[in-house]
Protein backbone atom coordinates (compact mmCIF):
# COMPACT_ATOMS: atom_id res chain seq x y z
CA MET A 1 140.53 79.46 80.47
CA LYS A 2 138.57 80.86 83.33
CA MET A 3 138.85 84.45 83.77
CA GLN A 4 140.32 85.73 87.08
CA HIS A 5 138.11 88.22 88.83
CA ARG A 6 139.34 91.05 90.95
CA VAL A 7 137.74 92.80 93.88
CA SER A 8 138.99 95.77 96.25
CA LEU A 9 137.74 95.51 99.75
CA VAL A 10 137.66 98.58 101.81
CA GLY A 11 137.62 97.73 105.52
CA ALA A 12 140.04 95.56 107.37
CA GLY A 13 137.83 94.25 110.18
CA PRO A 14 135.98 90.99 110.79
CA ALA A 15 133.28 91.64 108.06
CA GLY A 16 135.91 92.60 105.50
CA PHE A 17 138.19 89.73 106.17
CA ALA A 18 135.38 87.13 106.20
CA LEU A 19 134.38 88.30 102.72
CA ALA A 20 138.00 88.50 101.66
CA ILE A 21 138.71 84.89 102.55
CA ASP A 22 135.48 83.65 101.16
CA LEU A 23 136.31 85.36 97.67
CA GLU A 24 139.83 84.17 97.73
CA LYS A 25 138.57 80.50 98.37
CA ARG A 26 136.11 80.81 95.26
CA GLY A 27 139.10 82.06 92.98
CA THR A 28 138.69 85.92 93.35
CA ASN A 29 141.76 88.04 93.71
CA VAL A 30 141.31 90.40 96.52
CA LEU A 31 143.15 93.50 97.80
CA VAL A 32 142.25 94.62 101.22
CA TYR A 33 142.32 98.39 102.26
CA SER A 34 142.98 99.45 105.83
CA HIS A 35 142.81 102.97 106.82
CA PRO A 36 146.25 104.12 108.15
CA SER A 37 144.64 104.96 111.56
CA HIS A 38 142.92 101.59 111.92
CA LEU A 39 145.73 99.13 111.37
CA ARG A 40 145.02 96.90 114.42
CA HIS A 41 143.67 93.81 112.80
CA VAL A 42 146.01 94.25 109.88
CA ASN A 43 149.20 94.51 112.06
CA ASP A 44 147.94 91.18 113.86
CA VAL A 45 147.41 89.31 110.55
CA GLN A 46 150.69 90.64 109.08
CA ASP A 47 152.72 89.68 112.20
CA LYS A 48 151.58 86.13 111.68
CA GLY A 49 151.93 86.14 107.89
CA LEU A 50 148.28 85.02 107.01
CA LEU A 51 144.73 85.07 108.09
CA THR A 52 143.23 82.00 109.62
CA VAL A 53 139.50 81.56 109.98
CA ARG A 54 137.42 79.01 111.86
CA GLY A 55 133.87 78.27 112.35
CA LYS A 56 131.57 78.55 109.36
CA LEU A 57 134.51 79.21 107.16
CA GLU A 58 137.72 77.30 107.68
CA GLY A 59 141.13 77.88 106.44
CA SER A 60 144.04 80.20 106.07
CA THR A 61 145.10 82.67 103.33
CA VAL A 62 147.71 85.30 102.72
CA LEU A 63 146.02 88.61 102.06
CA ARG A 64 147.14 91.56 99.87
CA ILE A 65 146.74 94.59 102.13
CA THR A 66 147.19 98.34 101.33
CA SER A 67 146.74 101.72 103.11
CA ASN A 68 146.86 103.47 99.82
CA MET A 69 143.41 104.23 98.17
CA ARG A 70 145.18 104.78 94.80
CA ASP A 71 146.08 100.95 94.90
CA VAL A 72 142.24 100.34 95.62
CA ILE A 73 141.11 102.23 92.64
CA GLY A 74 143.63 100.70 90.21
CA PHE A 75 143.26 97.05 91.40
CA SER A 76 139.52 96.64 90.50
CA ASN A 77 136.48 98.56 89.14
CA LEU A 78 134.37 96.80 91.86
CA ILE A 79 134.93 98.21 95.32
CA ILE A 80 132.99 96.83 98.39
CA LEU A 81 132.95 98.91 101.56
CA THR A 82 132.86 96.59 104.68
CA VAL A 83 133.49 99.58 107.11
CA PRO A 84 130.87 100.43 109.67
CA SER A 85 128.78 103.21 108.11
CA THR A 86 130.16 105.50 110.68
CA GLY A 87 133.53 105.02 108.80
CA GLN A 88 132.00 105.60 105.39
CA GLU A 89 132.34 109.30 105.38
CA THR A 90 136.15 109.19 105.99
CA VAL A 91 136.53 106.74 103.18
CA LEU A 92 134.35 108.97 100.98
CA GLN A 93 136.99 111.87 101.32
CA GLU A 94 139.64 109.60 99.99
CA LEU A 95 137.34 108.11 97.22
CA LYS A 96 136.31 111.60 95.95
CA LYS A 97 139.96 112.23 94.98
CA PHE A 98 139.52 109.89 92.04
CA SER A 99 137.47 109.60 88.84
CA LEU A 100 135.03 106.76 89.46
CA HIS A 101 132.77 106.78 86.40
CA GLN A 102 133.77 103.14 85.57
CA HIS A 103 133.52 101.98 89.09
CA THR A 104 130.86 100.15 91.12
CA ILE A 105 130.75 100.72 94.84
CA VAL A 106 128.83 98.23 97.16
CA ALA A 107 128.20 99.23 100.70
CA VAL A 108 128.02 96.50 103.20
CA PRO A 109 125.95 97.38 104.94
CA GLY A 110 124.53 100.45 103.30
CA ASN A 111 122.62 102.42 105.63
CA LEU A 112 121.68 104.87 102.94
CA PHE A 113 125.57 105.41 102.05
CA GLY A 114 124.19 106.29 98.43
CA LEU A 115 122.24 109.31 99.76
CA VAL A 116 125.07 110.67 101.92
CA ALA A 117 127.77 110.11 99.26
CA GLU A 118 126.57 112.61 96.57
CA MET A 119 129.33 111.50 94.19
CA GLU A 120 129.77 110.67 90.59
CA VAL A 121 130.29 106.91 90.35
CA GLY A 122 129.24 104.32 87.89
CA CYS A 123 126.86 102.46 90.29
CA ILE A 124 126.32 102.47 93.95
CA VAL A 125 124.76 99.21 95.45
CA GLU A 126 123.77 98.67 99.18
CA THR A 127 123.06 95.57 101.33
CA ASN A 128 121.05 95.59 104.42
CA LEU A 129 123.48 93.41 106.36
CA SER A 130 126.87 91.71 106.10
CA PRO A 131 126.79 88.15 104.73
CA TYR A 132 128.70 86.84 108.06
CA SER A 133 128.27 87.16 111.67
CA CYS A 134 131.87 87.16 112.85
CA ARG A 135 134.57 88.59 115.20
CA MET A 136 138.30 88.52 115.55
CA ASP A 137 139.75 86.34 118.41
CA GLU A 138 143.26 87.79 118.52
CA GLU A 139 144.67 87.33 115.03
CA ARG A 140 142.17 84.56 114.04
CA LEU A 141 138.88 85.24 112.40
CA VAL A 142 135.85 83.49 113.89
CA VAL A 143 132.86 83.24 111.64
CA LEU A 144 129.80 82.27 113.88
CA GLY A 145 127.07 82.33 111.19
CA LYS A 146 126.85 82.67 107.44
CA LYS A 147 123.55 84.20 106.12
CA HIS A 148 121.35 82.39 103.64
CA LEU A 149 120.11 85.71 102.04
CA VAL A 150 120.77 89.39 102.18
CA PHE A 151 118.57 92.21 100.75
CA ILE A 152 120.19 94.43 98.18
CA ALA A 153 119.35 97.51 95.96
CA ALA A 154 121.08 99.90 93.63
CA LEU A 155 120.92 103.71 94.08
CA GLN A 156 120.13 103.84 90.37
CA LYS A 157 116.44 102.75 89.56
CA ASP A 158 117.73 100.05 87.26
CA PRO A 159 121.21 98.60 87.88
CA GLY A 160 121.12 96.37 84.84
CA LEU A 161 121.83 92.62 84.54
CA GLU A 162 125.54 93.01 84.26
CA ILE A 163 125.48 94.50 87.84
CA GLN A 164 123.15 91.89 89.14
CA GLU A 165 125.29 89.14 87.77
CA THR A 166 128.32 90.66 89.28
CA MET A 167 126.74 90.73 92.48
CA LYS A 168 125.56 87.20 92.24
CA ARG A 169 129.10 86.09 91.56
CA ILE A 170 130.58 88.13 94.44
CA PHE A 171 128.14 87.06 97.17
CA PRO A 172 127.79 83.38 98.06
CA LEU A 173 124.26 83.49 99.12
CA GLU A 174 120.82 84.32 97.77
CA LEU A 175 120.27 88.17 96.95
CA LYS A 176 116.81 89.56 97.16
CA TRP A 177 116.75 92.86 95.22
CA CYS A 178 114.71 95.61 96.64
CA SER A 179 113.06 98.72 95.02
CA ASN A 180 115.83 101.20 96.44
CA VAL A 181 118.28 101.86 99.19
CA VAL A 182 115.45 103.11 101.55
CA GLU A 183 113.74 99.80 101.54
CA VAL A 184 117.12 98.12 102.14
CA CYS A 185 117.91 100.43 105.08
CA LEU A 186 114.45 99.62 106.68
CA LEU A 187 115.40 95.96 106.47
CA ASN A 188 118.57 96.26 108.42
CA VAL A 189 117.03 94.94 111.73
CA ASN A 190 120.26 95.66 113.70
CA GLY A 191 118.45 98.97 114.46
CA VAL A 192 115.80 96.95 116.21
CA PHE A 193 118.23 94.60 118.10
CA HIS A 194 121.37 96.19 119.05
CA PRO A 195 120.73 99.48 120.51
CA LEU A 196 118.12 98.38 123.11
CA MET A 197 120.12 95.29 124.19
CA MET A 198 122.99 97.60 124.87
CA LEU A 199 120.95 100.30 126.59
CA MET A 200 119.04 97.94 128.85
CA ASN A 201 122.09 95.92 129.88
CA ALA A 202 124.31 98.81 130.38
CA GLY A 203 124.95 98.30 134.01
CA ARG A 204 125.75 94.64 133.47
CA ILE A 205 128.01 95.43 130.47
CA GLU A 206 130.01 97.93 132.54
CA ASN A 207 129.98 95.81 135.62
CA THR A 208 131.30 92.75 133.93
CA ASP A 209 133.36 93.97 130.92
CA GLY A 210 130.71 92.51 128.79
CA ASN A 211 131.27 88.90 130.37
CA PHE A 212 127.81 87.51 129.31
CA LEU A 213 126.25 86.60 126.10
CA LEU A 214 124.41 89.46 124.69
CA TYR A 215 121.48 87.84 122.97
CA ARG A 216 121.01 84.58 125.15
CA ASP A 217 121.41 86.35 128.55
CA GLY A 218 120.48 89.98 127.53
CA LEU A 219 117.50 89.75 125.25
CA THR A 220 114.84 89.10 128.08
CA ARG A 221 110.99 89.56 127.84
CA SER A 222 111.31 93.33 128.82
CA VAL A 223 113.94 94.00 126.40
CA ALA A 224 112.00 92.24 123.62
CA ASN A 225 108.84 94.28 124.49
CA ALA A 226 110.83 97.48 123.92
CA MET A 227 112.22 96.05 120.54
CA LEU A 228 108.73 95.38 119.48
CA ALA A 229 107.79 99.09 119.92
CA VAL A 230 110.88 100.08 117.74
CA ASP A 231 109.93 97.52 115.23
CA ARG A 232 106.36 98.75 114.86
CA VAL A 233 107.72 102.29 113.94
CA ARG A 234 110.25 100.76 111.38
CA MET A 235 107.29 98.88 109.69
CA GLU A 236 104.92 101.69 109.72
CA VAL A 237 107.53 103.72 107.91
CA GLY A 238 107.93 101.23 105.32
CA GLU A 239 104.16 100.74 104.97
CA ALA A 240 103.93 104.57 104.30
CA PHE A 241 106.21 104.15 101.37
CA GLY A 242 104.14 101.24 100.25
CA PHE A 243 106.41 98.38 101.07
CA ARG A 244 105.29 94.91 102.23
CA MET A 245 107.00 95.06 105.67
CA LYS A 246 107.91 91.93 107.69
CA SER A 247 108.82 91.94 111.35
CA ALA A 248 112.42 91.80 112.65
CA VAL A 249 112.12 88.23 113.37
CA GLU A 250 110.68 87.36 110.05
CA ILE A 251 113.55 89.27 108.37
CA SER A 252 116.08 87.44 110.52
CA ASN A 253 114.62 84.21 109.89
CA GLU A 254 114.63 84.76 106.18
CA CYS A 255 118.25 85.94 106.28
CA TYR A 256 119.56 82.89 108.25
CA ASP A 257 116.93 80.40 106.88
CA GLN A 258 115.51 79.80 110.29
CA SER A 259 111.93 79.61 111.75
CA PHE A 260 111.97 81.31 115.15
CA THR A 261 108.75 82.26 116.77
CA ASP A 262 109.69 85.39 118.45
CA LEU A 263 112.59 87.53 119.65
CA ILE A 264 113.05 85.30 122.91
CA ASP A 265 113.14 82.04 120.68
CA LEU A 266 115.87 83.57 118.38
CA ALA A 267 117.89 84.86 121.24
CA GLN A 268 118.05 81.45 123.15
CA ASN A 269 118.23 79.13 120.02
CA SER A 270 119.85 80.86 117.07
CA GLY A 271 123.48 79.62 116.57
CA PRO A 272 124.83 82.79 115.01
CA HIS A 273 123.26 84.86 117.82
CA ASN A 274 123.31 82.92 121.17
CA LYS A 275 126.96 82.61 121.20
CA LEU A 276 127.80 86.29 120.81
CA LYS A 277 129.58 87.76 123.76
CA ALA A 278 128.55 91.22 124.88
CA PRO A 279 130.84 94.14 124.13
CA SER A 280 132.97 95.32 127.13
CA ASP A 281 131.49 98.84 127.16
CA LEU A 282 129.06 101.14 125.37
CA GLU A 283 131.60 102.50 122.97
CA ASN A 284 130.62 99.98 120.41
CA ARG A 285 129.20 100.01 116.92
CA ASN A 286 125.92 98.39 118.23
CA ILE A 287 125.43 102.01 119.52
CA SER A 288 127.62 104.19 117.43
CA GLU A 289 126.51 102.77 114.05
CA ASP A 290 123.01 101.54 114.71
CA VAL A 291 121.89 104.54 116.66
CA SER A 292 123.52 107.20 114.39
CA ASP A 293 123.01 105.78 111.00
CA LEU A 294 119.86 103.46 111.35
CA LEU A 295 117.73 104.80 114.28
CA ILE A 296 118.28 108.61 113.35
CA SER A 297 117.44 107.84 109.79
CA TRP A 298 114.26 105.96 110.69
CA HIS A 299 113.26 108.69 113.15
CA SER A 300 113.68 111.40 110.59
CA LEU A 301 111.83 109.54 107.89
CA ALA A 302 108.93 108.70 110.39
CA GLU A 303 108.66 112.43 111.34
CA LYS A 304 108.45 113.47 107.78
CA LEU A 305 105.85 110.83 106.94
CA GLY A 306 103.72 111.92 110.03
CA ILE A 307 104.35 108.64 112.09
CA ASP A 308 104.74 108.63 115.76
CA ALA A 309 108.37 108.09 116.41
CA SER A 310 108.47 108.42 120.16
CA PRO A 311 109.74 104.89 121.02
CA ILE A 312 112.87 105.71 118.65
CA ARG A 313 113.25 109.17 120.12
CA ALA A 314 113.14 107.71 123.66
CA ILE A 315 116.10 105.34 122.89
CA VAL A 316 118.24 107.96 121.44
CA VAL A 317 117.80 110.52 124.13
CA LEU A 318 118.64 107.82 126.64
CA VAL A 319 121.69 106.81 124.77
CA GLU A 320 122.72 110.44 124.42
CA MET A 321 122.35 110.80 128.25
CA ALA A 322 124.27 107.52 128.93
CA THR A 323 127.07 108.37 126.31
CA GLY A 324 127.31 112.16 126.16
CA VAL A 325 127.12 111.96 122.39
CA ASN A 326 124.63 114.06 120.64
CA TYR A 327 123.25 111.51 117.92
CA PHE A 328 120.58 113.88 116.88
CA LYS A 329 123.17 116.25 115.74
CA ILE A 330 125.77 113.77 114.01
CA GLY A 331 123.25 111.10 112.92
CA ARG A 332 121.94 110.56 109.39
CA ASP A 333 118.96 112.77 109.65
CA LEU A 334 117.31 114.32 106.47
CA TYR A 335 120.03 116.82 106.19
CA LYS A 336 122.77 114.32 106.12
CA LEU A 337 120.66 112.45 103.55
CA HIS A 338 119.99 115.62 101.39
CA LEU A 339 116.29 115.08 101.79
CA GLN A 340 115.42 118.08 104.06
CA ASP A 341 113.70 120.13 101.32
CA VAL A 342 111.71 117.09 100.02
CA SER A 343 107.99 117.03 100.81
CA ARG A 344 106.18 114.14 102.31
CA ASN A 345 104.45 113.26 98.84
CA GLU A 346 107.90 113.77 96.91
CA LEU A 347 109.51 111.39 99.55
CA ILE A 348 106.99 108.72 98.83
CA GLN A 349 107.03 109.29 95.21
CA ARG A 350 110.86 109.02 94.89
CA PHE A 351 111.30 105.95 97.17
CA GLY A 352 108.06 104.12 96.80
CA PRO A 353 108.06 100.48 95.45
CA SER A 354 109.33 100.11 91.93
CA THR A 355 107.18 98.67 89.31
CA ARG A 356 110.09 96.73 87.82
CA GLN A 357 110.40 93.14 88.83
CA ASN A 358 114.08 92.63 89.92
CA GLY A 359 115.91 89.29 89.61
CA HIS A 360 116.83 87.43 92.61
């Protein structure tokens, strides 16, 4: 008799729902947690009685949903966080009330969750991106794209074969294991794409309530040129650690199994990207998450490593001027990552490439 697996998912948004319905279709029992103050999508689904998905995933399922973290801890020893990284610290306050020595926590995406967390837990694993490109359309979930591959790493140096096999069972795509969570964070290319597309299309977003296609219409040559400057900083940071870095286009191609030649080609011709409507205003995770928890981290690491981070600083300053939010204060800098007292050499030694050959 086949053993029935169980997974707790923390985050009742599009990414969490997509993973939940995919897992259920493949025979895994899922419990979805929604924070009591973020019940909008959950209420829509519960009013209808089930979650319906269309696009790259098709079907309907009735989801078990809770707003009690005790249920999450008891349901499964495997907890997957699909909340935006800006919501991770709220979830952490709930998780820290429980003993988690037997639990594995997977942050999707991680954005250095493991360094922020500072908690005793069996194992922490992070991915660079969500497996799905998706959005909610009223009470329906629309999956625009499903990745071919994501990058993954454990906070612990060697997560062990059991953890690797569990991750392979949970995620329906190729997993490329990295040396550590810093390498995985540098492979989250949302920090290259999203903030500049939002910032350089701010007037259009606000004048039209986002009534245009963010990539296809908004990623023009000038926007691409600015992205390349940010991408160079990201790659220089990775190279300083000793990683073999690829461009944002190369990483996106690898994740989606595509072969686009540059940013413009991707924006015009990538199915998961060229149908994405722009957000209706700047209060969106493309800014709040990708500036706060990616660009600030990259900027802080670059400065510690002696790399010119002025292109990233320019974006953050302009975003702060446009939104009134002090991202340099609230973002994931070295203090938030508990790395403020680590020297440049110690940083490279701690997060440089592992000599162990990870399995894929």
